[in-house]
Amino acid sequence: MVSSGDPQPRIEPLKAFARKLKGYLPGILAHCCWQLHTSLIEGINNKIKVIKRMAYGFRDDNYFFLKIRAALPGIAG
C-alpha cells in the first residue's frame, strides 16, 4: 500500500462498508438491546419437542399449550 498522505483512497472502502450495513441496522441494534442467542431458542424448541412426544394422543390442544407454558415459566405467552 502506497502512502500518499491523502486519506481519501482509504476512506472510500469504509464508506462502502457503512452503506452496506445500513440495511441491517435494525437487526444489529435489536441484537445489542436483546441478546437472544440461538442456543436459547434451540433449547426451547427441544423442550417443546419433548413435551409433544409425551403428549402424543391428547385431543386437547389447550392442555398441550398449558404444558408448554408450565415448562417455560419465564416466557410470556
PDB file of N, CA and C in Angstrom:
ATOM      1  N   MET A   1       0.846  -1.177   0.000  1.00  0.00           N
ATOM      2  CA  MET A   1       0.000   0.000   0.000  1.00  0.00           C
ATOM      3  C   MET A   1       0.895   1.244   0.000  1.00  0.00           C
ATOM      4  N   VAL A   2       0.621   2.126  -0.899  1.00  0.00           N
ATOM      5  CA  VAL A   2       1.415   3.337  -1.032  1.00  0.00           C
ATOM      6  C   VAL A   2       0.767   4.427  -0.192  1.00  0.00           C
ATOM      7  N   SER A   3       1.537   5.053   0.641  1.00  0.00           N
ATOM      8  CA  SER A   3       1.021   6.119   1.488  1.00  0.00           C
ATOM      9  C   SER A   3       1.300   7.452   0.806  1.00  0.00           C
ATOM     10  N   SER A   4       0.250   8.042   0.246  1.00  0.00           N
ATOM     11  CA  SER A   4       0.424   9.312  -0.448  1.00  0.00           C
ATOM     12  C   SER A   4       0.094  10.494   0.450  1.00  0.00           C
ATOM     13  N   GLY A   5      -0.360  10.198   1.682  1.00  0.00           N
ATOM     14  CA  GLY A   5      -0.718  11.292   2.569  1.00  0.00           C
ATOM     15  C   GLY A   5      -2.165  11.716   2.402  1.00  0.00           C
ATOM     16  N   ASP A   6      -2.815  11.253   1.341  1.00  0.00           N
ATOM     17  CA  ASP A   6      -4.214  11.602   1.087  1.00  0.00           C
ATOM     18  C   ASP A   6      -5.117  10.534   1.729  1.00  0.00           C
ATOM     19  N   PRO A   7      -5.953  10.895   2.715  1.00  0.00           N
ATOM     20  CA  PRO A   7      -6.812   9.900   3.372  1.00  0.00           C
ATOM     21  C   PRO A   7      -7.989   9.449   2.505  1.00  0.00           C
ATOM     22  N   GLN A   8      -8.242  10.111   1.409  1.00  0.00           N
ATOM     23  CA  GLN A   8      -9.405   9.812   0.567  1.00  0.00           C
ATOM     24  C   GLN A   8      -9.424   8.380   0.034  1.00  0.00           C
ATOM     25  N   PRO A   9      -8.333   7.822  -0.494  1.00  0.00           N
ATOM     26  CA  PRO A   9      -8.402   6.454  -1.021  1.00  0.00           C
ATOM     27  C   PRO A   9      -8.717   5.421   0.060  1.00  0.00           C
ATOM     28  N   ARG A  10      -8.326   5.663   1.297  1.00  0.00           N
ATOM     29  CA  ARG A  10      -8.579   4.706   2.362  1.00  0.00           C
ATOM     30  C   ARG A  10      -9.987   4.830   2.925  1.00  0.00           C
ATOM     31  N   ILE A  11     -10.621   5.966   2.800  1.00  0.00           N
ATOM     32  CA  ILE A  11     -11.939   6.186   3.411  1.00  0.00           C
ATOM     33  C   ILE A  11     -13.070   5.651   2.534  1.00  0.00           C
ATOM     34  N   GLU A  12     -12.862   5.549   1.231  1.00  0.00           N
ATOM     35  CA  GLU A  12     -13.920   5.087   0.332  1.00  0.00           C
ATOM     36  C   GLU A  12     -14.370   3.655   0.633  1.00  0.00           C
ATOM     37  N   PRO A  13     -13.479   2.681   0.855  1.00  0.00           N
ATOM     38  CA  PRO A  13     -13.948   1.339   1.210  1.00  0.00           C
ATOM     39  C   PRO A  13     -14.732   1.319   2.518  1.00  0.00           C
ATOM     40  N   LEU A  14     -14.337   2.174   3.460  1.00  0.00           N
ATOM     41  CA  LEU A  14     -15.057   2.257   4.724  1.00  0.00           C
ATOM     42  C   LEU A  14     -16.463   2.816   4.518  1.00  0.00           C
ATOM     43  N   LYS A  15     -16.589   3.797   3.651  1.00  0.00           N
ATOM     44  CA  LYS A  15     -17.913   4.350   3.339  1.00  0.00           C
ATOM     45  C   LYS A  15     -18.800   3.307   2.656  1.00  0.00           C
ATOM     46  N   ALA A  16     -18.209   2.537   1.747  1.00  0.00           N
ATOM     47  CA  ALA A  16     -18.972   1.489   1.057  1.00  0.00           C
ATOM     48  C   ALA A  16     -19.443   0.432   2.056  1.00  0.00           C
ATOM     49  N   PHE A  17     -18.592   0.062   2.992  1.00  0.00           N
ATOM     50  CA  PHE A  17     -18.956  -0.907   4.023  1.00  0.00           C
ATOM     51  C   PHE A  17     -20.102  -0.369   4.881  1.00  0.00           C
ATOM     52  N   ALA A  18     -20.037   0.903   5.264  1.00  0.00           N
ATOM     53  CA  ALA A  18     -21.087   1.515   6.079  1.00  0.00           C
ATOM     54  C   ALA A  18     -22.414   1.541   5.320  1.00  0.00           C
ATOM     55  N   ARG A  19     -22.372   1.805   4.014  1.00  0.00           N
ATOM     56  CA  ARG A  19     -23.604   1.814   3.215  1.00  0.00           C
ATOM     57  C   ARG A  19     -24.224   0.424   3.167  1.00  0.00           C
ATOM     58  N   LYS A  20     -23.386  -0.619   3.078  1.00  0.00           N
ATOM     59  CA  LYS A  20     -23.894  -1.988   3.047  1.00  0.00           C
ATOM     60  C   LYS A  20     -24.531  -2.378   4.378  1.00  0.00           C
ATOM     61  N   LEU A  21     -23.979  -1.884   5.470  1.00  0.00           N
ATOM     62  CA  LEU A  21     -24.517  -2.200   6.796  1.00  0.00           C
ATOM     63  C   LEU A  21     -25.820  -1.467   7.103  1.00  0.00           C
ATOM     64  N   LYS A  22     -26.080  -0.385   6.420  1.00  0.00           N
ATOM     65  CA  LYS A  22     -27.241   0.451   6.717  1.00  0.00           C
ATOM     66  C   LYS A  22     -28.547  -0.337   6.673  1.00  0.00           C
ATOM     67  N   GLY A  23     -28.697  -1.260   5.744  1.00  0.00           N
ATOM     68  CA  GLY A  23     -29.920  -2.059   5.647  1.00  0.00           C
ATOM     69  C   GLY A  23     -30.092  -3.030   6.806  1.00  0.00           C
ATOM     70  N   TYR A  24     -28.986  -3.396   7.439  1.00  0.00           N
ATOM     71  CA  TYR A  24     -29.026  -4.339   8.556  1.00  0.00           C
ATOM     72  C   TYR A  24     -29.086  -3.649   9.915  1.00  0.00           C
ATOM     73  N   LEU A  25     -29.158  -2.337   9.927  1.00  0.00           N
ATOM     74  CA  LEU A  25     -29.093  -1.577  11.167  1.00  0.00           C
ATOM     75  C   LEU A  25     -30.169  -1.976  12.185  1.00  0.00           C
ATOM     76  N   PRO A  26     -31.447  -2.145  11.792  1.00  0.00           N
ATOM     77  CA  PRO A  26     -32.443  -2.542  12.807  1.00  0.00           C
ATOM     78  C   PRO A  26     -32.101  -3.874  13.485  1.00  0.00           C
ATOM     79  N   GLY A  27     -31.622  -4.833  12.727  1.00  0.00           N
ATOM     80  CA  GLY A  27     -31.252  -6.122  13.314  1.00  0.00           C
ATOM     81  C   GLY A  27     -30.042  -6.017  14.225  1.00  0.00           C
ATOM     82  N   ILE A  28     -29.078  -5.212  13.840  1.00  0.00           N
ATOM     83  CA  ILE A  28     -27.877  -5.025  14.659  1.00  0.00           C
ATOM     84  C   ILE A  28     -28.243  -4.364  15.977  1.00  0.00           C
ATOM     85  N   LEU A  29     -29.075  -3.343  15.912  1.00  0.00           N
ATOM     86  CA  LEU A  29     -29.491  -2.656  17.133  1.00  0.00           C
ATOM     87  C   LEU A  29     -30.347  -3.553  18.024  1.00  0.00           C
ATOM     88  N   ALA A  30     -31.208  -4.366  17.412  1.00  0.00           N
ATOM     89  CA  ALA A  30     -32.038  -5.286  18.190  1.00  0.00           C
ATOM     90  C   ALA A  30     -31.162  -6.295  18.929  1.00  0.00           C
ATOM     91  N   HIS A  31     -30.108  -6.778  18.280  1.00  0.00           N
ATOM     92  CA  HIS A  31     -29.206  -7.721  18.943  1.00  0.00           C
ATOM     93  C   HIS A  31     -28.476  -7.059  20.106  1.00  0.00           C
ATOM     94  N   CYS A  32     -28.156  -5.777  19.964  1.00  0.00           N
ATOM     95  CA  CYS A  32     -27.483  -5.069  21.060  1.00  0.00           C
ATOM     96  C   CYS A  32     -28.417  -4.883  22.250  1.00  0.00           C
ATOM     97  N   CYS A  33     -29.701  -4.641  21.987  1.00  0.00           N
ATOM     98  CA  CYS A  33     -30.670  -4.430  23.070  1.00  0.00           C
ATOM     99  C   CYS A  33     -31.110  -5.744  23.701  1.00  0.00           C
ATOM    100  N   TRP A  34     -31.398  -6.751  22.884  1.00  0.00           N
ATOM    101  CA  TRP A  34     -31.894  -8.045  23.367  1.00  0.00           C
ATOM    102  C   TRP A  34     -30.976  -9.130  22.823  1.00  0.00           C
ATOM    103  N   GLN A  35     -30.006  -9.534  23.626  1.00  0.00           N
ATOM    104  CA  GLN A  35     -29.027 -10.508  23.157  1.00  0.00           C
ATOM    105  C   GLN A  35     -29.593 -11.920  23.289  1.00  0.00           C
ATOM    106  N   LEU A  36     -30.431 -12.274  22.353  1.00  0.00           N
ATOM    107  CA  LEU A  36     -31.052 -13.592  22.323  1.00  0.00           C
ATOM    108  C   LEU A  36     -30.242 -14.464  21.371  1.00  0.00           C
ATOM    109  N   HIS A  37     -29.609 -15.476  21.930  1.00  0.00           N
ATOM    110  CA  HIS A  37     -28.747 -16.340  21.130  1.00  0.00           C
ATOM    111  C   HIS A  37     -29.511 -17.561  20.646  1.00  0.00           C
ATOM    112  N   THR A  38     -29.017 -18.178  19.613  1.00  0.00           N
ATOM    113  CA  THR A  38     -29.697 -19.336  19.041  1.00  0.00           C
ATOM    114  C   THR A  38     -29.703 -20.518  19.990  1.00  0.00           C
ATOM    115  N   SER A  39     -28.756 -20.579  20.926  1.00  0.00           N
ATOM    116  CA  SER A  39     -28.739 -21.691  21.874  1.00  0.00           C
ATOM    117  C   SER A  39     -29.986 -21.672  22.749  1.00  0.00           C
ATOM    118  N   LEU A  40     -30.451 -20.496  23.132  1.00  0.00           N
ATOM    119  CA  LEU A  40     -31.669 -20.388  23.929  1.00  0.00           C
ATOM    120  C   LEU A  40     -32.878 -20.856  23.121  1.00  0.00           C
ATOM    121  N   ILE A  41     -32.966 -20.434  21.873  1.00  0.00           N
ATOM    122  CA  ILE A  41     -34.068 -20.843  21.006  1.00  0.00           C
ATOM    123  C   ILE A  41     -34.046 -22.345  20.775  1.00  0.00           C
ATOM    124  N   GLU A  42     -32.858 -22.912  20.552  1.00  0.00           N
ATOM    125  CA  GLU A  42     -32.741 -24.361  20.346  1.00  0.00           C
ATOM    126  C   GLU A  42     -33.191 -25.119  21.584  1.00  0.00           C
ATOM    127  N   GLY A  43     -32.842 -24.615  22.756  1.00  0.00           N
ATOM    128  CA  GLY A  43     -33.261 -25.260  23.998  1.00  0.00           C
ATOM    129  C   GLY A  43     -34.773 -25.247  24.166  1.00  0.00           C
ATOM    130  N   ILE A  44     -35.387 -24.124  23.834  1.00  0.00           N
ATOM    131  CA  ILE A  44     -36.853 -24.008  23.926  1.00  0.00           C
ATOM    132  C   ILE A  44     -37.512 -24.967  22.941  1.00  0.00           C
ATOM    133  N   ASN A  45     -37.011 -24.999  21.703  1.00  0.00           N
ATOM    134  CA  ASN A  45     -37.573 -25.911  20.697  1.00  0.00           C
ATOM    135  C   ASN A  45     -37.434 -27.361  21.130  1.00  0.00           C
ATOM    136  N   ASN A  46     -36.293 -27.711  21.706  1.00  0.00           N
ATOM    137  CA  ASN A  46     -36.069 -29.076  22.157  1.00  0.00           C
ATOM    138  C   ASN A  46     -37.041 -29.457  23.269  1.00  0.00           C
ATOM    139  N   LYS A  47     -37.257 -28.535  24.202  1.00  0.00           N
ATOM    140  CA  LYS A  47     -38.183 -28.802  25.308  1.00  0.00           C
ATOM    141  C   LYS A  47     -39.603 -28.993  24.785  1.00  0.00           C
ATOM    142  N   ILE A  48     -40.008 -28.186  23.809  1.00  0.00           N
ATOM    143  CA  ILE A  48     -41.344 -28.315  23.222  1.00  0.00           C
ATOM    144  C   ILE A  48     -41.481 -29.656  22.509  1.00  0.00           C
ATOM    145  N   LYS A  49     -40.425 -30.094  21.816  1.00  0.00           N
ATOM    146  CA  LYS A  49     -40.476 -31.393  21.135  1.00  0.00           C
ATOM    147  C   LYS A  49     -40.658 -32.533  22.130  1.00  0.00           C
ATOM    148  N   VAL A  50     -39.982 -32.447  23.280  1.00  0.00           N
ATOM    149  CA  VAL A  50     -40.115 -33.482  24.309  1.00  0.00           C
ATOM    150  C   VAL A  50     -41.538 -33.501  24.842  1.00  0.00           C
ATOM    151  N   ILE A  51     -42.099 -32.335  25.104  1.00  0.00           N
ATOM    152  CA  ILE A  51     -43.486 -32.251  25.592  1.00  0.00           C
ATOM    153  C   ILE A  51     -44.433 -32.806  24.538  1.00  0.00           C
ATOM    154  N   LYS A  52     -44.165 -32.518  23.275  1.00  0.00           N
ATOM    155  CA  LYS A  52     -45.015 -33.016  22.183  1.00  0.00           C
ATOM    156  C   LYS A  52     -44.992 -34.539  22.122  1.00  0.00           C
ATOM    157  N   ARG A  53     -43.809 -35.122  22.304  1.00  0.00           N
ATOM    158  CA  ARG A  53     -43.713 -36.586  22.303  1.00  0.00           C
ATOM    159  C   ARG A  53     -44.468 -37.192  23.480  1.00  0.00           C
ATOM    160  N   MET A  54     -44.371 -36.549  24.640  1.00  0.00           N
ATOM    161  CA  MET A  54     -45.065 -37.063  25.825  1.00  0.00           C
ATOM    162  C   MET A  54     -46.574 -36.883  25.705  1.00  0.00           C
ATOM    163  N   ALA A  55     -47.012 -35.862  24.957  1.00  0.00           N
ATOM    164  CA  ALA A  55     -48.432 -35.554  24.848  1.00  0.00           C
ATOM    165  C   ALA A  55     -49.085 -36.220  23.645  1.00  0.00           C
ATOM    166  N   TYR A  56     -48.399 -37.162  23.008  1.00  0.00           N
ATOM    167  CA  TYR A  56     -48.955 -37.818  21.829  1.00  0.00           C
ATOM    168  C   TYR A  56     -50.266 -38.494  22.186  1.00  0.00           C
ATOM    169  N   GLY A  57     -51.303 -38.209  21.416  1.00  0.00           N
ATOM    170  CA  GLY A  57     -52.615 -38.819  21.634  1.00  0.00           C
ATOM    171  C   GLY A  57     -53.592 -37.931  22.389  1.00  0.00           C
ATOM    172  N   PHE A  58     -53.102 -36.848  22.984  1.00  0.00           N
ATOM    173  CA  PHE A  58     -54.024 -35.934  23.663  1.00  0.00           C
ATOM    174  C   PHE A  58     -54.883 -35.245  22.620  1.00  0.00           C
ATOM    175  N   ARG A  59     -56.143 -35.108  22.919  1.00  0.00           N
ATOM    176  CA  ARG A  59     -57.049 -34.452  21.967  1.00  0.00           C
ATOM    177  C   ARG A  59     -57.117 -32.946  22.190  1.00  0.00           C
ATOM    178  N   ASP A  60     -56.794 -32.528  23.382  1.00  0.00           N
ATOM    179  CA  ASP A  60     -56.996 -31.135  23.761  1.00  0.00           C
ATOM    180  C   ASP A  60     -55.731 -30.310  23.504  1.00  0.00           C
ATOM    181  N   ASP A  61     -55.773 -29.433  22.513  1.00  0.00           N
ATOM    182  CA  ASP A  61     -54.632 -28.572  22.200  1.00  0.00           C
ATOM    183  C   ASP A  61     -54.361 -27.574  23.323  1.00  0.00           C
ATOM    184  N   ASN A  62     -55.410 -27.106  23.980  1.00  0.00           N
ATOM    185  CA  ASN A  62     -55.229 -26.138  25.061  1.00  0.00           C
ATOM    186  C   ASN A  62     -54.378 -26.723  26.190  1.00  0.00           C
ATOM    187  N   TYR A  63     -54.587 -27.998  26.504  1.00  0.00           N
ATOM    188  CA  TYR A  63     -53.793 -28.656  27.542  1.00  0.00           C
ATOM    189  C   TYR A  63     -52.330 -28.736  27.121  1.00  0.00           C
ATOM    190  N   PHE A  64     -52.089 -29.009  25.854  1.00  0.00           N
ATOM    191  CA  PHE A  64     -50.728 -29.070  25.324  1.00  0.00           C
ATOM    192  C   PHE A  64     -50.018 -27.726  25.493  1.00  0.00           C
ATOM    193  N   PHE A  65     -50.712 -26.637  25.161  1.00  0.00           N
ATOM    194  CA  PHE A  65     -50.101 -25.318  25.289  1.00  0.00           C
ATOM    195  C   PHE A  65     -49.928 -24.918  26.752  1.00  0.00           C
ATOM    196  N   LEU A  66     -50.806 -25.384  27.614  1.00  0.00           N
ATOM    197  CA  LEU A  66     -50.627 -25.143  29.047  1.00  0.00           C
ATOM    198  C   LEU A  66     -49.379 -25.862  29.563  1.00  0.00           C
ATOM    199  N   LYS A  67     -49.133 -27.067  29.074  1.00  0.00           N
ATOM    200  CA  LYS A  67     -47.936 -27.807  29.470  1.00  0.00           C
ATOM    201  C   LYS A  67     -46.671 -27.074  29.015  1.00  0.00           C
ATOM    202  N   ILE A  68     -46.716 -26.498  27.814  1.00  0.00           N
ATOM    203  CA  ILE A  68     -45.567 -25.742  27.311  1.00  0.00           C
ATOM    204  C   ILE A  68     -45.342 -24.511  28.189  1.00  0.00           C
ATOM    205  N   ARG A  69     -46.410 -23.799  28.513  1.00  0.00           N
ATOM    206  CA  ARG A  69     -46.268 -22.608  29.364  1.00  0.00           C
ATOM    207  C   ARG A  69     -45.763 -22.971  30.746  1.00  0.00           C
ATOM    208  N   ALA A  70     -46.176 -24.121  31.266  1.00  0.00           N
ATOM    209  CA  ALA A  70     -45.704 -24.554  32.584  1.00  0.00           C
ATOM    210  C   ALA A  70     -44.219 -24.932  32.543  1.00  0.00           C
ATOM    211  N   ALA A  71     -43.769 -25.486  31.430  1.00  0.00           N
ATOM    212  CA  ALA A  71     -42.375 -25.881  31.300  1.00  0.00           C
ATOM    213  C   ALA A  71     -41.451 -24.695  31.061  1.00  0.00           C
ATOM    214  N   LEU A  72     -41.995 -23.613  30.539  1.00  0.00           N
ATOM    215  CA  LEU A  72     -41.199 -22.413  30.230  1.00  0.00           C
ATOM    216  C   LEU A  72     -41.795 -21.215  30.956  1.00  0.00           C
ATOM    217  N   PRO A  73     -41.628 -21.129  32.269  1.00  0.00           N
ATOM    218  CA  PRO A  73     -42.311 -20.074  33.040  1.00  0.00           C
ATOM    219  C   PRO A  73     -41.823 -18.654  32.739  1.00  0.00           C
ATOM    220  N   GLY A  74     -40.582 -18.497  32.274  1.00  0.00           N
ATOM    221  CA  GLY A  74     -40.060 -17.151  32.027  1.00  0.00           C
ATOM    222  C   GLY A  74     -40.487 -16.574  30.693  1.00  0.00           C
ATOM    223  N   ILE A  75     -41.136 -17.374  29.846  1.00  0.00           N
ATOM    224  CA  ILE A  75     -41.538 -16.938  28.514  1.00  0.00           C
ATOM    225  C   ILE A  75     -42.986 -16.466  28.578  1.00  0.00           C
ATOM    226  N   ALA A  76     -43.232 -15.246  28.093  1.00  0.00           N
ATOM    227  CA  ALA A  76     -44.602 -14.723  28.073  1.00  0.00           C
ATOM    228  C   ALA A  76     -45.415 -15.451  27.020  1.00  0.00           C
ATOM    229  N   GLY A  77     -46.674 -15.673  27.313  1.00  0.00           N
ATOM    230  CA  GLY A  77     -47.474 -16.392  26.334  1.00  0.00           C
ATOM    231  C   GLY A  77     -48.891 -16.066  26.313  1.00  0.00           C
TER     232      GLY A  77
END
